[in-house]
PDB file of N, CA and C in Angstrom:
ATOM      1  N   MET A   1      -2.177   8.861 -37.970  1.00  0.00           N
ATOM      2  CA  MET A   1      -1.993   9.352 -39.329  1.00  0.00           C
ATOM      3  C   MET A   1      -2.201   8.163 -40.221  1.00  0.00           C
ATOM      4  N   ALA A   2      -3.003   8.405 -41.331  1.00  0.00           N
ATOM      5  CA  ALA A   2      -3.236   7.290 -42.311  1.00  0.00           C
ATOM      6  C   ALA A   2      -2.013   6.954 -43.158  1.00  0.00           C
ATOM      7  N   LYS A   3      -2.056   5.742 -43.474  1.00  0.00           N
ATOM      8  CA  LYS A   3      -0.885   5.213 -44.363  1.00  0.00           C
ATOM      9  C   LYS A   3      -1.024   5.909 -45.664  1.00  0.00           C
ATOM     10  N   LYS A   4       0.156   6.452 -46.259  1.00  0.00           N
ATOM     11  CA  LYS A   4       0.154   6.991 -47.586  1.00  0.00           C
ATOM     12  C   LYS A   4      -0.260   6.018 -48.609  1.00  0.00           C
ATOM     13  N   GLN A   5      -1.224   6.380 -49.519  1.00  0.00           N
ATOM     14  CA  GLN A   5      -1.629   5.515 -50.634  1.00  0.00           C
ATOM     15  C   GLN A   5      -0.599   5.514 -51.684  1.00  0.00           C
ATOM     16  N   THR A   6      -0.224   4.448 -52.231  1.00  0.00           N
ATOM     17  CA  THR A   6       0.666   4.328 -53.409  1.00  0.00           C
ATOM     18  C   THR A   6       0.239   3.451 -54.460  1.00  0.00           C
ATOM     19  N   ALA A   7      -1.063   2.936 -54.335  1.00  0.00           N
ATOM     20  CA  ALA A   7      -1.534   1.983 -55.340  1.00  0.00           C
ATOM     21  C   ALA A   7      -1.606   2.551 -56.706  1.00  0.00           C
ATOM     22  N   GLY A   8      -1.889   3.767 -56.819  1.00  0.00           N
ATOM     23  CA  GLY A   8      -1.906   4.403 -58.256  1.00  0.00           C
ATOM     24  C   GLY A   8      -0.452   4.473 -58.860  1.00  0.00           C
ATOM     25  N   ARG A   9       0.468   4.897 -58.076  1.00  0.00           N
ATOM     26  CA  ARG A   9       1.844   4.876 -58.597  1.00  0.00           C
ATOM     27  C   ARG A   9       2.390   3.406 -58.784  1.00  0.00           C
ATOM     28  N   ASP A  10       2.120   2.588 -57.918  1.00  0.00           N
ATOM     29  CA  ASP A  10       2.621   1.172 -57.986  1.00  0.00           C
ATOM     30  C   ASP A  10       2.057   0.508 -59.230  1.00  0.00           C
ATOM     31  N   ASN A  11       0.804   0.715 -59.485  1.00  0.00           N
ATOM     32  CA  ASN A  11       0.066   0.002 -60.631  1.00  0.00           C
ATOM     33  C   ASN A  11       0.134   0.763 -61.970  1.00  0.00           C
ATOM     34  N   LEU A  12       0.077   2.038 -61.893  1.00  0.00           N
ATOM     35  CA  LEU A  12      -0.130   2.859 -63.208  1.00  0.00           C
ATOM     36  C   LEU A  12       0.815   4.011 -63.319  1.00  0.00           C
ATOM     37  N   GLY A  13       1.822   4.091 -62.374  1.00  0.00           N
ATOM     38  CA  GLY A  13       2.704   5.220 -62.320  1.00  0.00           C
ATOM     39  C   GLY A  13       3.445   5.541 -63.689  1.00  0.00           C
ATOM     40  N   ASP A  14       3.898   4.422 -64.297  1.00  0.00           N
ATOM     41  CA  ASP A  14       4.572   4.467 -65.615  1.00  0.00           C
ATOM     42  C   ASP A  14       3.686   4.731 -66.795  1.00  0.00           C
ATOM     43  N   PHE A  15       2.482   4.059 -66.752  1.00  0.00           N
ATOM     44  CA  PHE A  15       1.497   4.147 -67.882  1.00  0.00           C
ATOM     45  C   PHE A  15       0.631   5.300 -67.839  1.00  0.00           C
ATOM     46  N   ALA A  16       0.134   5.652 -66.580  1.00  0.00           N
ATOM     47  CA  ALA A  16      -0.787   6.881 -66.526  1.00  0.00           C
ATOM     48  C   ALA A  16      -0.346   7.720 -65.337  1.00  0.00           C
ATOM     49  N   PRO A  17       0.836   8.414 -65.380  1.00  0.00           N
ATOM     50  CA  PRO A  17       1.268   9.022 -64.153  1.00  0.00           C
ATOM     51  C   PRO A  17       0.368  10.168 -63.563  1.00  0.00           C
ATOM     52  N   LYS A  18      -0.463  10.881 -64.380  1.00  0.00           N
ATOM     53  CA  LYS A  18      -1.356  11.812 -63.791  1.00  0.00           C
ATOM     54  C   LYS A  18      -2.496  11.154 -63.104  1.00  0.00           C
ATOM     55  N   PHE A  19      -3.035  10.139 -63.713  1.00  0.00           N
ATOM     56  CA  PHE A  19      -4.144   9.430 -62.927  1.00  0.00           C
ATOM     57  C   PHE A  19      -3.577   8.947 -61.665  1.00  0.00           C
ATOM     58  N   ALA A  20      -2.396   8.263 -61.660  1.00  0.00           N
ATOM     59  CA  ALA A  20      -1.763   7.745 -60.465  1.00  0.00           C
ATOM     60  C   ALA A  20      -1.688   8.841 -59.396  1.00  0.00           C
ATOM     61  N   GLU A  21      -1.184   9.955 -59.763  1.00  0.00           N
ATOM     62  CA  GLU A  21      -1.085  11.157 -58.839  1.00  0.00           C
ATOM     63  C   GLU A  21      -2.439  11.557 -58.251  1.00  0.00           C
ATOM     64  N   LEU A  22      -3.427  11.722 -59.166  1.00  0.00           N
ATOM     65  CA  LEU A  22      -4.715  12.087 -58.689  1.00  0.00           C
ATOM     66  C   LEU A  22      -5.229  11.014 -57.627  1.00  0.00           C
ATOM     67  N   ASN A  23      -5.086   9.783 -58.054  1.00  0.00           N
ATOM     68  CA  ASN A  23      -5.481   8.698 -57.183  1.00  0.00           C
ATOM     69  C   ASN A  23      -4.871   8.832 -55.788  1.00  0.00           C
ATOM     70  N   ASP A  24      -3.567   8.842 -55.841  1.00  0.00           N
ATOM     71  CA  ASP A  24      -2.774   8.706 -54.523  1.00  0.00           C
ATOM     72  C   ASP A  24      -2.827  10.007 -53.665  1.00  0.00           C
ATOM     73  N   ASP A  25      -2.686  11.117 -54.329  1.00  0.00           N
ATOM     74  CA  ASP A  25      -2.473  12.477 -53.678  1.00  0.00           C
ATOM     75  C   ASP A  25      -3.860  13.206 -53.360  1.00  0.00           C
ATOM     76  N   VAL A  26      -4.707  13.170 -54.429  1.00  0.00           N
ATOM     77  CA  VAL A  26      -5.912  13.813 -54.244  1.00  0.00           C
ATOM     78  C   VAL A  26      -7.061  12.997 -53.686  1.00  0.00           C
ATOM     79  N   LEU A  27      -7.394  11.876 -54.283  1.00  0.00           N
ATOM     80  CA  LEU A  27      -8.449  11.052 -53.828  1.00  0.00           C
ATOM     81  C   LEU A  27      -8.217  10.537 -52.397  1.00  0.00           C
ATOM     82  N   PHE A  28      -7.073   9.887 -52.308  1.00  0.00           N
ATOM     83  CA  PHE A  28      -6.670   9.169 -51.042  1.00  0.00           C
ATOM     84  C   PHE A  28      -5.906  10.097 -50.074  1.00  0.00           C
ATOM     85  N   GLY A  29      -5.315  11.054 -50.699  1.00  0.00           N
ATOM     86  CA  GLY A  29      -4.488  11.988 -49.807  1.00  0.00           C
ATOM     87  C   GLY A  29      -5.315  13.160 -49.217  1.00  0.00           C
ATOM     88  N   GLN A  30      -6.076  13.796 -50.138  1.00  0.00           N
ATOM     89  CA  GLN A  30      -6.860  14.982 -49.620  1.00  0.00           C
ATOM     90  C   GLN A  30      -8.351  14.642 -49.361  1.00  0.00           C
ATOM     91  N   VAL A  31      -8.980  13.886 -50.199  1.00  0.00           N
ATOM     92  CA  VAL A  31     -10.404  13.698 -49.874  1.00  0.00           C
ATOM     93  C   VAL A  31     -10.645  12.832 -48.786  1.00  0.00           C
ATOM     94  N   TRP A  32      -9.939  11.547 -48.798  1.00  0.00           N
ATOM     95  CA  TRP A  32     -10.108  10.593 -47.593  1.00  0.00           C
ATOM     96  C   TRP A  32      -9.695  11.185 -46.253  1.00  0.00           C
ATOM     97  N   SER A  33      -8.775  12.129 -46.341  1.00  0.00           N
ATOM     98  CA  SER A  33      -8.218  12.712 -45.004  1.00  0.00           C
ATOM     99  C   SER A  33      -9.072  13.808 -44.417  1.00  0.00           C
ATOM    100  N   ARG A  34     -10.196  14.049 -45.029  1.00  0.00           N
ATOM    101  CA  ARG A  34     -11.176  15.132 -44.485  1.00  0.00           C
ATOM    102  C   ARG A  34     -12.104  14.513 -43.403  1.00  0.00           C
ATOM    103  N   GLU A  35     -11.485  13.989 -42.272  1.00  0.00           N
ATOM    104  CA  GLU A  35     -12.242  13.415 -41.282  1.00  0.00           C
ATOM    105  C   GLU A  35     -13.027  14.255 -40.454  1.00  0.00           C
ATOM    106  N   GLU A  36     -12.852  15.560 -40.421  1.00  0.00           N
ATOM    107  CA  GLU A  36     -13.818  16.458 -39.779  1.00  0.00           C
ATOM    108  C   GLU A  36     -15.121  16.552 -40.408  1.00  0.00           C
ATOM    109  N   GLU A  37     -15.079  16.425 -41.836  1.00  0.00           N
ATOM    110  CA  GLU A  37     -16.249  16.494 -42.556  1.00  0.00           C
ATOM    111  C   GLU A  37     -17.116  15.140 -42.634  1.00  0.00           C
ATOM    112  N   LEU A  38     -16.472  14.065 -42.784  1.00  0.00           N
ATOM    113  CA  LEU A  38     -17.033  12.675 -42.722  1.00  0.00           C
ATOM    114  C   LEU A  38     -15.877  11.849 -42.083  1.00  0.00           C
ATOM    115  N   SER A  39     -16.404  10.915 -41.198  1.00  0.00           N
ATOM    116  CA  SER A  39     -15.475   9.926 -40.564  1.00  0.00           C
ATOM    117  C   SER A  39     -15.117   8.966 -41.700  1.00  0.00           C
ATOM    118  N   PRO A  40     -14.012   8.335 -41.326  1.00  0.00           N
ATOM    119  CA  PRO A  40     -13.662   7.219 -42.336  1.00  0.00           C
ATOM    120  C   PRO A  40     -14.673   6.073 -42.433  1.00  0.00           C
ATOM    121  N   LYS A  41     -15.347   5.821 -41.309  1.00  0.00           N
ATOM    122  CA  LYS A  41     -16.432   4.817 -41.410  1.00  0.00           C
ATOM    123  C   LYS A  41     -17.480   5.184 -42.404  1.00  0.00           C
ATOM    124  N   ILE A  42     -17.932   6.445 -42.291  1.00  0.00           N
ATOM    125  CA  ILE A  42     -19.161   6.881 -43.134  1.00  0.00           C
ATOM    126  C   ILE A  42     -18.500   7.001 -44.669  1.00  0.00           C
ATOM    127  N   ARG A  43     -17.297   7.533 -44.690  1.00  0.00           N
ATOM    128  CA  ARG A  43     -16.720   7.508 -46.168  1.00  0.00           C
ATOM    129  C   ARG A  43     -16.681   6.056 -46.780  1.00  0.00           C
ATOM    130  N   SER A  44     -16.485   5.037 -45.966  1.00  0.00           N
ATOM    131  CA  SER A  44     -16.366   3.680 -46.495  1.00  0.00           C
ATOM    132  C   SER A  44     -17.733   3.285 -46.801  1.00  0.00           C
ATOM    133  N   ILE A  45     -18.857   3.610 -45.973  1.00  0.00           N
ATOM    134  CA  ILE A  45     -20.175   3.200 -46.367  1.00  0.00           C
ATOM    135  C   ILE A  45     -20.511   3.859 -47.658  1.00  0.00           C
ATOM    136  N   VAL A  46     -20.284   5.099 -47.849  1.00  0.00           N
ATOM    137  CA  VAL A  46     -20.645   5.752 -49.111  1.00  0.00           C
ATOM    138  C   VAL A  46     -19.888   5.200 -50.266  1.00  0.00           C
ATOM    139  N   THR A  47     -18.635   4.869 -50.098  1.00  0.00           N
ATOM    140  CA  THR A  47     -17.789   4.292 -51.209  1.00  0.00           C
ATOM    141  C   THR A  47     -18.283   2.899 -51.580  1.00  0.00           C
ATOM    142  N   VAL A  48     -18.491   2.135 -50.518  1.00  0.00           N
ATOM    143  CA  VAL A  48     -19.020   0.741 -50.840  1.00  0.00           C
ATOM    144  C   VAL A  48     -20.346   0.745 -51.558  1.00  0.00           C
ATOM    145  N   SER A  49     -21.236   1.623 -51.169  1.00  0.00           N
ATOM    146  CA  SER A  49     -22.561   1.759 -51.734  1.00  0.00           C
ATOM    147  C   SER A  49     -22.355   2.240 -53.225  1.00  0.00           C
ATOM    148  N   ALA A  50     -21.556   3.223 -53.435  1.00  0.00           N
ATOM    149  CA  ALA A  50     -21.338   3.640 -54.863  1.00  0.00           C
ATOM    150  C   ALA A  50     -20.688   2.614 -55.667  1.00  0.00           C
ATOM    151  N   LEU A  51     -19.733   1.772 -55.100  1.00  0.00           N
ATOM    152  CA  LEU A  51     -19.133   0.765 -55.964  1.00  0.00           C
ATOM    153  C   LEU A  51     -20.095  -0.403 -56.196  1.00  0.00           C
ATOM    154  N   ILE A  52     -20.973  -0.696 -55.303  1.00  0.00           N
ATOM    155  CA  ILE A  52     -22.029  -1.730 -55.581  1.00  0.00           C
ATOM    156  C   ILE A  52     -22.992  -1.221 -56.727  1.00  0.00           C
ATOM    157  N   THR A  53     -23.345   0.045 -56.537  1.00  0.00           N
ATOM    158  CA  THR A  53     -24.267   0.565 -57.549  1.00  0.00           C
ATOM    159  C   THR A  53     -23.786   0.410 -58.913  1.00  0.00           C
ATOM    160  N   GLY A  54     -22.372   0.757 -59.074  1.00  0.00           N
ATOM    161  CA  GLY A  54     -21.856   0.819 -60.419  1.00  0.00           C
ATOM    162  C   GLY A  54     -21.351  -0.634 -60.743  1.00  0.00           C
ATOM    163  N   GLY A  55     -21.467  -1.646 -59.929  1.00  0.00           N
ATOM    164  CA  GLY A  55     -20.972  -2.964 -60.233  1.00  0.00           C
ATOM    165  C   GLY A  55     -19.560  -3.033 -60.316  1.00  0.00           C
ATOM    166  N   ASN A  56     -18.766  -2.217 -59.710  1.00  0.00           N
ATOM    167  CA  ASN A  56     -17.281  -2.163 -59.650  1.00  0.00           C
ATOM    168  C   ASN A  56     -16.745  -3.169 -58.717  1.00  0.00           C
ATOM    169  N   TRP A  57     -16.749  -4.440 -58.955  1.00  0.00           N
ATOM    170  CA  TRP A  57     -16.406  -5.526 -58.147  1.00  0.00           C
ATOM    171  C   TRP A  57     -14.876  -5.510 -57.714  1.00  0.00           C
ATOM    172  N   GLU A  58     -14.133  -5.219 -58.739  1.00  0.00           N
ATOM    173  CA  GLU A  58     -12.614  -5.295 -58.381  1.00  0.00           C
ATOM    174  C   GLU A  58     -12.229  -4.361 -57.454  1.00  0.00           C
ATOM    175  N   GLN A  59     -12.857  -3.193 -57.456  1.00  0.00           N
ATOM    176  CA  GLN A  59     -12.508  -2.084 -56.414  1.00  0.00           C
ATOM    177  C   GLN A  59     -13.279  -2.401 -55.140  1.00  0.00           C
ATOM    178  N   LEU A  60     -14.435  -2.996 -55.287  1.00  0.00           N
ATOM    179  CA  LEU A  60     -15.190  -3.253 -54.061  1.00  0.00           C
ATOM    180  C   LEU A  60     -14.582  -4.083 -52.918  1.00  0.00           C
ATOM    181  N   LYS A  61     -13.843  -5.176 -53.443  1.00  0.00           N
ATOM    182  CA  LYS A  61     -13.083  -5.968 -52.481  1.00  0.00           C
ATOM    183  C   LYS A  61     -12.227  -5.127 -51.536  1.00  0.00           C
ATOM    184  N   TYR A  62     -11.305  -4.239 -52.233  1.00  0.00           N
ATOM    185  CA  TYR A  62     -10.437  -3.429 -51.436  1.00  0.00           C
ATOM    186  C   TYR A  62     -11.238  -2.634 -50.377  1.00  0.00           C
ATOM    187  N   HIS A  63     -12.270  -1.964 -50.973  1.00  0.00           N
ATOM    188  CA  HIS A  63     -13.045  -1.031 -50.063  1.00  0.00           C
ATOM    189  C   HIS A  63     -13.978  -1.742 -49.010  1.00  0.00           C
ATOM    190  N   LEU A  64     -14.295  -2.923 -49.227  1.00  0.00           N
ATOM    191  CA  LEU A  64     -14.926  -3.711 -48.100  1.00  0.00           C
ATOM    192  C   LEU A  64     -13.968  -3.926 -46.991  1.00  0.00           C
ATOM    193  N   ASN A  65     -12.724  -4.324 -47.362  1.00  0.00           N
ATOM    194  CA  ASN A  65     -11.715  -4.531 -46.431  1.00  0.00           C
ATOM    195  C   ASN A  65     -11.413  -3.164 -45.594  1.00  0.00           C
ATOM    196  N   THR A  66     -11.416  -2.135 -46.299  1.00  0.00           N
ATOM    197  CA  THR A  66     -11.190  -0.811 -45.762  1.00  0.00           C
ATOM    198  C   THR A  66     -12.395  -0.448 -44.816  1.00  0.00           C
ATOM    199  N   ALA A  67     -13.604  -0.800 -45.246  1.00  0.00           N
ATOM    200  CA  ALA A  67     -14.671  -0.520 -44.331  1.00  0.00           C
ATOM    201  C   ALA A  67     -14.633  -1.405 -43.141  1.00  0.00           C
ATOM    202  N   LYS A  68     -14.263  -2.604 -43.202  1.00  0.00           N
ATOM    203  CA  LYS A  68     -14.197  -3.421 -42.005  1.00  0.00           C
ATOM    204  C   LYS A  68     -13.034  -2.767 -41.151  1.00  0.00           C
ATOM    205  N   ASN A  69     -12.020  -2.347 -41.585  1.00  0.00           N
ATOM    206  CA  ASN A  69     -10.915  -1.790 -40.895  1.00  0.00           C
ATOM    207  C   ASN A  69     -11.321  -0.448 -40.291  1.00  0.00           C
ATOM    208  N   ASN A  70     -12.302   0.238 -41.031  1.00  0.00           N
ATOM    209  CA  ASN A  70     -12.764   1.524 -40.554  1.00  0.00           C
ATOM    210  C   ASN A  70     -13.987   1.308 -39.502  1.00  0.00           C
ATOM    211  N   GLY A  71     -14.276   0.175 -39.068  1.00  0.00           N
ATOM    212  CA  GLY A  71     -15.235  -0.099 -38.030  1.00  0.00           C
ATOM    213  C   GLY A  71     -16.691  -0.470 -38.540  1.00  0.00           C
ATOM    214  N   VAL A  72     -16.758  -0.782 -39.786  1.00  0.00           N
ATOM    215  CA  VAL A  72     -18.116  -1.277 -40.244  1.00  0.00           C
ATOM    216  C   VAL A  72     -18.231  -2.714 -39.873  1.00  0.00           C
ATOM    217  N   THR A  73     -19.260  -3.079 -39.092  1.00  0.00           N
ATOM    218  CA  THR A  73     -19.560  -4.555 -38.554  1.00  0.00           C
ATOM    219  C   THR A  73     -20.170  -5.395 -39.609  1.00  0.00           C
ATOM    220  N   LYS A  74     -20.159  -6.552 -39.444  1.00  0.00           N
ATOM    221  CA  LYS A  74     -20.768  -7.631 -40.291  1.00  0.00           C
ATOM    222  C   LYS A  74     -22.171  -7.327 -40.303  1.00  0.00           C
ATOM    223  N   GLU A  75     -22.802  -6.984 -39.254  1.00  0.00           N
ATOM    224  CA  GLU A  75     -24.344  -6.671 -39.083  1.00  0.00           C
ATOM    225  C   GLU A  75     -24.561  -5.445 -39.958  1.00  0.00           C
ATOM    226  N   GLU A  76     -23.755  -4.389 -39.881  1.00  0.00           N
ATOM    227  CA  GLU A  76     -23.957  -3.157 -40.588  1.00  0.00           C
ATOM    228  C   GLU A  76     -23.695  -3.357 -42.067  1.00  0.00           C
ATOM    229  N   ILE A  77     -22.780  -4.088 -42.622  1.00  0.00           N
ATOM    230  CA  ILE A  77     -22.576  -4.290 -44.029  1.00  0.00           C
ATOM    231  C   ILE A  77     -23.774  -5.156 -44.476  1.00  0.00           C
ATOM    232  N   SER A  78     -24.198  -6.048 -43.734  1.00  0.00           N
ATOM    233  CA  SER A  78     -25.343  -6.912 -44.123  1.00  0.00           C
ATOM    234  C   SER A  78     -26.655  -6.017 -44.372  1.00  0.00           C
ATOM    235  N   GLU A  79     -26.804  -5.104 -43.436  1.00  0.00           N
ATOM    236  CA  GLU A  79     -28.048  -4.220 -43.533  1.00  0.00           C
ATOM    237  C   GLU A  79     -27.763  -3.169 -44.660  1.00  0.00           C
ATOM    238  N   ILE A  80     -26.623  -2.668 -44.841  1.00  0.00           N
ATOM    239  CA  ILE A  80     -26.354  -1.790 -45.956  1.00  0.00           C
ATOM    240  C   ILE A  80     -26.656  -2.385 -47.356  1.00  0.00           C
ATOM    241  N   ILE A  81     -26.036  -3.635 -47.511  1.00  0.00           N
ATOM    242  CA  ILE A  81     -26.382  -4.246 -48.766  1.00  0.00           C
ATOM    243  C   ILE A  81     -27.745  -4.624 -48.981  1.00  0.00           C
ATOM    244  N   THR A  82     -28.415  -5.120 -47.937  1.00  0.00           N
ATOM    245  CA  THR A  82     -29.838  -5.416 -48.021  1.00  0.00           C
ATOM    246  C   THR A  82     -30.660  -4.176 -48.392  1.00  0.00           C
ATOM    247  N   HIS A  83     -30.353  -3.026 -47.791  1.00  0.00           N
ATOM    248  CA  HIS A  83     -31.144  -1.728 -47.954  1.00  0.00           C
ATOM    249  C   HIS A  83     -30.911  -1.276 -49.480  1.00  0.00           C
ATOM    250  N   ILE A  84     -29.638  -1.265 -49.945  1.00  0.00           N
ATOM    251  CA  ILE A  84     -29.466  -0.767 -51.302  1.00  0.00           C
ATOM    252  C   ILE A  84     -29.833  -1.780 -52.378  1.00  0.00           C
ATOM    253  N   ALA A  85     -30.060  -3.011 -52.073  1.00  0.00           N
ATOM    254  CA  ALA A  85     -30.562  -4.010 -53.050  1.00  0.00           C
ATOM    255  C   ALA A  85     -31.762  -3.506 -53.768  1.00  0.00           C
ATOM    256  N   PHE A  86     -32.711  -2.795 -52.968  1.00  0.00           N
ATOM    257  CA  PHE A  86     -33.941  -2.359 -53.544  1.00  0.00           C
ATOM    258  C   PHE A  86     -33.752  -1.178 -54.564  1.00  0.00           C
ATOM    259  N   TYR A  87     -32.595  -0.536 -54.370  1.00  0.00           N
ATOM    260  CA  TYR A  87     -32.318   0.710 -55.171  1.00  0.00           C
ATOM    261  C   TYR A  87     -31.407   0.354 -56.449  1.00  0.00           C
ATOM    262  N   VAL A  88     -30.475  -0.640 -56.116  1.00  0.00           N
ATOM    263  CA  VAL A  88     -29.489  -0.782 -57.250  1.00  0.00           C
ATOM    264  C   VAL A  88     -29.658  -2.217 -57.969  1.00  0.00           C
ATOM    265  N   GLY A  89     -30.387  -3.002 -57.419  1.00  0.00           N
ATOM    266  CA  GLY A  89     -30.692  -4.315 -58.078  1.00  0.00           C
ATOM    267  C   GLY A  89     -30.213  -5.553 -57.191  1.00  0.00           C
ATOM    268  N   TRP A  90     -31.140  -6.543 -57.303  1.00  0.00           N
ATOM    269  CA  TRP A  90     -30.933  -7.777 -56.439  1.00  0.00           C
ATOM    270  C   TRP A  90     -29.586  -8.489 -56.917  1.00  0.00           C
ATOM    271  N   PRO A  91     -29.362  -8.580 -58.216  1.00  0.00           N
ATOM    272  CA  PRO A  91     -28.172  -9.356 -58.584  1.00  0.00           C
ATOM    273  C   PRO A  91     -26.875  -8.670 -58.064  1.00  0.00           C
ATOM    274  N   LYS A  92     -26.871  -7.325 -58.007  1.00  0.00           N
ATOM    275  CA  LYS A  92     -25.687  -6.589 -57.509  1.00  0.00           C
ATOM    276  C   LYS A  92     -25.502  -6.832 -55.996  1.00  0.00           C
ATOM    277  N   ALA A  93     -26.723  -7.014 -55.311  1.00  0.00           N
ATOM    278  CA  ALA A  93     -26.558  -7.313 -53.813  1.00  0.00           C
ATOM    279  C   ALA A  93     -26.085  -8.729 -53.655  1.00  0.00           C
ATOM    280  N   TRP A  94     -26.485  -9.664 -54.424  1.00  0.00           N
ATOM    281  CA  TRP A  94     -25.960 -11.068 -54.345  1.00  0.00           C
ATOM    282  C   TRP A  94     -24.438 -11.015 -54.570  1.00  0.00           C
ATOM    283  N   SER A  95     -24.033 -10.292 -55.494  1.00  0.00           N
ATOM    284  CA  SER A  95     -22.533 -10.301 -55.805  1.00  0.00           C
ATOM    285  C   SER A  95     -21.849  -9.643 -54.606  1.00  0.00           C
ATOM    286  N   ALA A  96     -22.297  -8.541 -54.117  1.00  0.00           N
ATOM    287  CA  ALA A  96     -21.733  -7.875 -52.950  1.00  0.00           C
ATOM    288  C   ALA A  96     -21.733  -8.672 -51.690  1.00  0.00           C
ATOM    289  N   PHE A  97     -22.830  -9.354 -51.534  1.00  0.00           N
ATOM    290  CA  PHE A  97     -22.812 -10.299 -50.314  1.00  0.00           C
ATOM    291  C   PHE A  97     -21.732 -11.397 -50.534  1.00  0.00           C
ATOM    292  N   GLY A  98     -21.484 -11.818 -51.710  1.00  0.00           N
ATOM    293  CA  GLY A  98     -20.460 -12.823 -51.909  1.00  0.00           C
ATOM    294  C   GLY A  98     -19.017 -12.368 -51.456  1.00  0.00           C
ATOM    295  N   LEU A  99     -18.778 -11.116 -51.797  1.00  0.00           N
ATOM    296  CA  LEU A  99     -17.453 -10.530 -51.378  1.00  0.00           C
ATOM    297  C   LEU A  99     -17.452 -10.165 -49.811  1.00  0.00           C
ATOM    298  N   ALA A 100     -18.579  -9.675 -49.321  1.00  0.00           N
ATOM    299  CA  ALA A 100     -18.638  -9.279 -47.898  1.00  0.00           C
ATOM    300  C   ALA A 100     -18.559 -10.527 -47.022  1.00  0.00           C
ATOM    301  N   LYS A 101     -19.176 -11.570 -47.401  1.00  0.00           N
ATOM    302  CA  LYS A 101     -19.026 -12.804 -46.680  1.00  0.00           C
ATOM    303  C   LYS A 101     -17.616 -13.343 -46.659  1.00  0.00           C
ATOM    304  N   GLU A 102     -16.939 -13.155 -47.719  1.00  0.00           N
ATOM    305  CA  GLU A 102     -15.590 -13.547 -47.813  1.00  0.00           C
ATOM    306  C   GLU A 102     -14.746 -12.721 -46.829  1.00  0.00           C
ATOM    307  N   ILE A 103     -15.000 -11.371 -46.747  1.00  0.00           N
ATOM    308  CA  ILE A 103     -14.142 -10.503 -45.930  1.00  0.00           C
ATOM    309  C   ILE A 103     -14.523 -10.592 -44.426  1.00  0.00           C
ATOM    310  N   TRP A 104     -15.876 -10.562 -44.037  1.00  0.00           N
ATOM    311  CA  TRP A 104     -16.205 -10.699 -42.671  1.00  0.00           C
ATOM    312  C   TRP A 104     -16.253 -12.099 -42.205  1.00  0.00           C
ATOM    313  N   GLY A 105     -16.504 -13.117 -43.072  1.00  0.00           N
ATOM    314  CA  GLY A 105     -16.549 -14.477 -42.670  1.00  0.00           C
ATOM    315  C   GLY A 105     -17.394 -14.769 -41.502  1.00  0.00           C
ATOM    316  N   GLU A 106     -17.114 -15.758 -40.787  1.00  0.00           N
ATOM    317  CA  GLU A 106     -17.863 -16.093 -39.547  1.00  0.00           C
ATOM    318  C   GLU A 106     -17.218 -15.535 -38.353  1.00  0.00           C
ATOM    319  N   GLU A 107     -17.496 -14.384 -38.054  1.00  0.00           N
ATOM    320  CA  GLU A 107     -16.804 -13.718 -36.850  1.00  0.00           C
ATOM    321  C   GLU A 107     -17.352 -14.263 -35.585  1.00  0.00           C
TER     322      GLU A 107
END
């Protein structure tokens, strides 16, 4: 069973309680738990790709770590970023590689 997400409540619970609830209970509670529909590894790949596309670097670091924990290998993340570079932009790929290299390091 996945660990219950509390980042929304921990960081925004007093300031934006509804957003915190949606983050923790719906996005991470209901959507990410639909493992019969998409495996956690595939969800991580989709999420990482979307975050790179949007240039959401603050959230990307967390989700790269999650992707690694969900079984995405260094070789796979390298190929994913290389592939999407042609669709989302070379500078975004460079930024993503900086974070990915930090997380996967020299394994």
